Amino acid sequence: MYARSTTVRGDPQSLDSAIAYVRDEVMPMVQEMPGCIGLSMLCDRDTGRTITTSAWDSEESMHNSEGPIHEMRQRFAEMMGGSPEVQEWEIAVLHRARQAPDGACARVLWGRGDPADADRALDAFRMTILPRLEELPGFCSVSLLADRESGRAVTATVYESRDAMKLAADRLMPMRDEFDRQMRGEVTEVAEFDLVLAHLRVPETV
């Protein structure tokens, strides 16, 4: 399974109309495309940063969708007053403990490591990090998207509320540091978002 993420950094004042556009026009069209298995959207209302991710059952389906999606992506970026940054990923890990409720939030970590260590890092994540995430109060789901060639990866952990996400932060920090030392990787950015759309039919990978 694969995913394409589109990041736009734009005007926070334009967020509500842009979210409505994705919900009412983009999402129904994308979900009808062959191979689509869902769409989600994160936003930071303070900075105007959005990340819209479409999921696909194969790399071929993802690439075949690029033409029809391009125009919608450009229109969304124009509405936000920003430029789209597009990245393609393998969906390496996806696990849901429960559906995200209204008001759910996500902490997103970007990182990089040695591409030669990709398989070992994914196995370690499943074996050591995932069970500990499930113990966190308010935990809903986690997804790990990987670019094996470059060694880049992004992990999004969804919580039921901002309060739950804040409570989890102290318990996550030593866990993250331990994992980074073991895998000789580096976290390059951490950000927090509201989960404004979550319509995914991506099967569990664990």
Protein backbone atom coordinates (compact mmCIF):
# COMPACT_ATOMS: atom_id res chain seq x y z
CA MET A 1 0.00 0.00 0.00
CA TYR A 2 1.13 3.52 -0.79
CA ALA A 3 0.33 7.12 0.09
CA ARG A 4 0.77 10.55 -1.43
CA SER A 5 0.96 13.51 0.95
CA THR A 6 0.47 17.12 -0.08
CA THR A 7 1.66 19.81 2.32
CA VAL A 8 0.58 23.43 1.90
CA ARG A 9 1.67 26.30 4.15
CA GLY A 10 -0.85 29.05 3.66
CA ASP A 11 -3.12 31.63 5.26
CA PRO A 12 -4.81 30.40 8.47
CA GLN A 13 -7.79 32.60 7.64
CA SER A 14 -8.44 30.45 4.55
CA LEU A 15 -8.47 27.12 6.39
CA ASP A 16 -12.20 26.65 6.87
CA SER A 17 -13.04 27.18 3.20
CA ALA A 18 -10.10 25.00 2.12
CA ILE A 19 -11.16 22.18 4.46
CA ALA A 20 -14.70 22.40 3.09
CA TYR A 21 -13.35 22.15 -0.46
CA VAL A 22 -11.40 18.98 0.34
CA ARG A 23 -14.32 17.45 2.26
CA ASP A 24 -17.08 18.29 -0.20
CA GLU A 25 -15.35 18.18 -3.59
CA VAL A 26 -11.92 16.54 -3.48
CA MET A 27 -12.64 13.60 -1.21
CA PRO A 28 -15.71 12.25 -3.07
CA MET A 29 -13.84 12.38 -6.39
CA VAL A 30 -10.65 10.80 -5.04
CA GLN A 31 -12.54 8.00 -3.31
CA GLU A 32 -14.08 7.01 -6.64
CA MET A 33 -10.67 6.60 -8.30
CA PRO A 34 -9.47 3.02 -8.92
CA GLY A 35 -7.33 1.75 -6.07
CA CYS A 36 -8.10 4.56 -3.60
CA ILE A 37 -8.35 3.32 -0.02
CA GLY A 38 -8.92 6.59 1.76
CA LEU A 39 -8.02 10.18 2.48
CA SER A 40 -7.08 12.13 5.61
CA MET A 41 -6.30 15.75 6.38
CA LEU A 42 -4.33 17.39 9.18
CA CYS A 43 -4.18 21.11 9.87
CA ASP A 44 -2.42 23.55 12.16
CA ARG A 45 -4.83 26.42 12.63
CA ASP A 46 -2.16 28.69 14.07
CA THR A 47 0.27 28.47 11.16
CA GLY A 48 -2.02 27.52 8.25
CA ARG A 49 -0.08 24.35 7.52
CA THR A 50 -2.10 21.45 6.10
CA ILE A 51 -1.19 17.88 5.16
CA THR A 52 -3.64 15.99 2.97
CA THR A 53 -2.84 12.32 2.39
CA SER A 54 -4.46 9.93 -0.06
CA ALA A 55 -3.92 6.17 0.32
CA TRP A 56 -3.72 3.62 -2.52
CA ASP A 57 -3.74 -0.15 -2.85
CA SER A 58 -0.68 -0.14 -5.13
CA GLU A 59 2.05 2.12 -6.45
CA GLU A 60 0.48 1.86 -9.92
CA SER A 61 -2.88 3.13 -8.65
CA MET A 62 -1.18 6.03 -6.92
CA HIS A 63 0.71 7.07 -10.04
CA ASN A 64 -2.37 6.68 -12.27
CA SER A 65 -4.25 9.13 -10.05
CA GLU A 66 -1.71 11.93 -10.39
CA GLY A 67 -3.22 13.51 -13.51
CA PRO A 68 -6.78 13.97 -12.19
CA ILE A 69 -5.57 15.05 -8.75
CA HIS A 70 -3.10 17.65 -10.02
CA GLU A 71 -5.74 20.27 -10.87
CA MET A 72 -7.52 19.84 -7.52
CA ARG A 73 -4.21 20.15 -5.68
CA GLN A 74 -3.41 23.41 -7.48
CA ARG A 75 -6.83 24.85 -6.71
CA PHE A 76 -6.47 23.97 -3.04
CA ALA A 77 -3.03 25.62 -2.89
CA GLU A 78 -4.41 28.75 -4.52
CA MET A 79 -7.23 28.89 -1.97
CA MET A 80 -4.66 28.67 0.84
CA GLY A 81 -2.25 31.13 -0.78
CA GLY A 82 0.64 28.64 -0.72
CA SER A 83 2.54 26.15 -2.84
CA PRO A 84 2.02 22.37 -2.66
CA GLU A 85 4.84 20.07 -1.56
CA VAL A 86 4.16 16.51 -2.72
CA GLN A 87 5.76 13.34 -1.37
CA GLU A 88 5.10 9.67 -2.08
CA TRP A 89 5.46 6.93 0.51
CA GLU A 90 5.07 3.25 1.24
CA ILE A 91 2.56 2.61 4.04
CA ALA A 92 4.86 0.49 6.18
CA VAL A 93 2.84 0.35 9.41
CA LEU A 94 -0.78 1.13 10.18
CA HIS A 95 -2.50 0.17 13.40
CA ARG A 96 -5.81 1.36 14.87
CA ALA A 97 -6.83 0.78 18.47
CA ARG A 98 -10.10 2.62 17.82
CA GLN A 99 -11.67 5.18 15.56
CA ALA A 100 -10.65 8.78 16.11
CA PRO A 101 -13.47 10.87 17.61
CA ASP A 102 -14.32 14.49 16.82
CA GLY A 103 -11.61 16.68 18.30
CA ALA A 104 -8.84 14.15 17.67
CA CYS A 105 -5.27 15.40 17.18
CA ALA A 106 -2.03 14.01 15.80
CA ARG A 107 1.63 14.36 16.65
CA VAL A 108 3.74 13.92 13.52
CA LEU A 109 7.46 13.05 13.53
CA TRP A 110 9.69 13.25 10.48
CA GLY A 111 13.00 11.43 10.54
CA ARG A 112 15.75 9.90 8.49
CA GLY A 113 18.23 7.08 8.79
CA ASP A 114 20.38 4.71 6.77
CA PRO A 115 18.30 3.19 3.95
CA ALA A 116 20.16 -0.09 4.51
CA ASP A 117 18.61 -0.25 8.00
CA ALA A 118 15.01 0.25 6.82
CA ASP A 119 13.78 -3.30 7.37
CA ARG A 120 15.44 -3.55 10.77
CA ALA A 121 13.98 -0.19 11.82
CA LEU A 122 10.46 -1.21 10.80
CA ASP A 123 10.73 -4.51 12.67
CA ALA A 124 12.00 -2.67 15.75
CA PHE A 125 9.14 -0.19 15.55
CA ARG A 126 6.56 -2.98 15.42
CA MET A 127 8.20 -4.96 18.23
CA THR A 128 9.18 -2.22 20.70
CA ILE A 129 7.35 1.04 19.98
CA LEU A 130 3.91 -0.15 18.93
CA PRO A 131 3.05 -2.10 22.10
CA ARG A 132 4.05 0.88 24.23
CA LEU A 133 1.95 3.29 22.16
CA GLU A 134 -1.10 1.12 22.81
CA GLU A 135 -0.65 1.67 26.54
CA LEU A 136 -0.97 5.45 26.26
CA PRO A 137 -4.28 6.95 27.46
CA GLY A 138 -6.25 8.38 24.56
CA PHE A 139 -4.25 6.56 21.88
CA CYS A 140 -6.30 5.96 18.71
CA SER A 141 -3.94 4.94 15.90
CA VAL A 142 -0.48 5.18 14.42
CA SER A 143 0.81 5.14 10.86
CA LEU A 144 4.39 5.02 9.61
CA LEU A 145 5.11 6.05 6.03
CA ALA A 146 8.53 5.27 4.60
CA ASP A 147 10.69 6.15 1.61
CA ARG A 148 13.09 3.23 1.60
CA GLU A 149 15.42 4.69 -1.04
CA SER A 150 16.14 7.89 0.86
CA GLY A 151 15.80 6.54 4.40
CA ARG A 152 13.15 9.16 5.20
CA ALA A 153 10.07 8.29 7.25
CA VAL A 154 7.13 10.02 8.91
CA THR A 155 5.06 8.75 11.82
CA ALA A 156 1.63 10.13 12.74
CA THR A 157 0.17 9.17 16.11
CA VAL A 158 -3.48 10.08 16.66
CA TYR A 159 -4.96 10.82 20.10
CA GLU A 160 -8.54 11.43 21.17
CA SER A 161 -7.82 14.99 22.32
CA ARG A 162 -5.16 17.65 22.84
CA ASP A 163 -5.08 16.83 26.54
CA ALA A 164 -4.34 13.17 25.83
CA MET A 165 -1.62 14.11 23.36
CA LYS A 166 0.06 16.39 25.91
CA LEU A 167 -0.06 13.70 28.62
CA ALA A 168 1.60 11.22 26.27
CA ALA A 169 4.49 13.54 25.42
CA ASP A 170 6.58 12.87 28.55
CA ARG A 171 6.25 9.10 28.18
CA LEU A 172 7.10 9.22 24.48
CA MET A 173 10.32 11.22 24.72
CA PRO A 174 12.54 8.53 26.32
CA MET A 175 10.97 5.91 24.07
CA ARG A 176 11.83 7.96 20.99
CA ASP A 177 15.37 8.67 22.15
CA GLU A 178 15.99 4.98 22.80
CA PHE A 179 14.70 4.03 19.37
CA ASP A 180 16.84 6.68 17.65
CA ARG A 181 19.98 5.43 19.41
CA GLN A 182 19.28 1.83 18.48
CA MET A 183 18.59 2.62 14.84
CA ARG A 184 21.18 5.41 14.46
CA GLY A 185 18.44 7.62 13.10
CA GLU A 186 17.55 11.27 13.54
CA VAL A 187 14.25 13.03 14.15
CA THR A 188 14.23 16.09 11.89
CA GLU A 189 10.91 17.69 12.87
CA VAL A 190 7.97 17.27 15.26
CA ALA A 191 4.63 19.02 14.78
CA GLU A 192 1.11 18.82 16.17
CA PHE A 193 -2.10 19.04 14.16
CA ASP A 194 -5.87 18.78 14.37
CA LEU A 195 -7.25 15.75 12.54
CA VAL A 196 -9.99 17.33 10.45
CA LEU A 197 -10.71 14.47 8.00
CA ALA A 198 -10.14 10.75 8.54
CA HIS A 199 -11.78 8.55 5.94
CA LEU A 200 -9.34 5.67 5.57
CA ARG A 201 -10.01 2.10 4.50
CA VAL A 202 -6.36 1.10 4.76
CA PRO A 203 -6.08 -2.46 6.16
CA GLU A 204 -4.10 -3.12 9.33
CA THR A 205 -0.48 -4.06 8.75
CA VAL A 206 0.12 -5.56 12.21
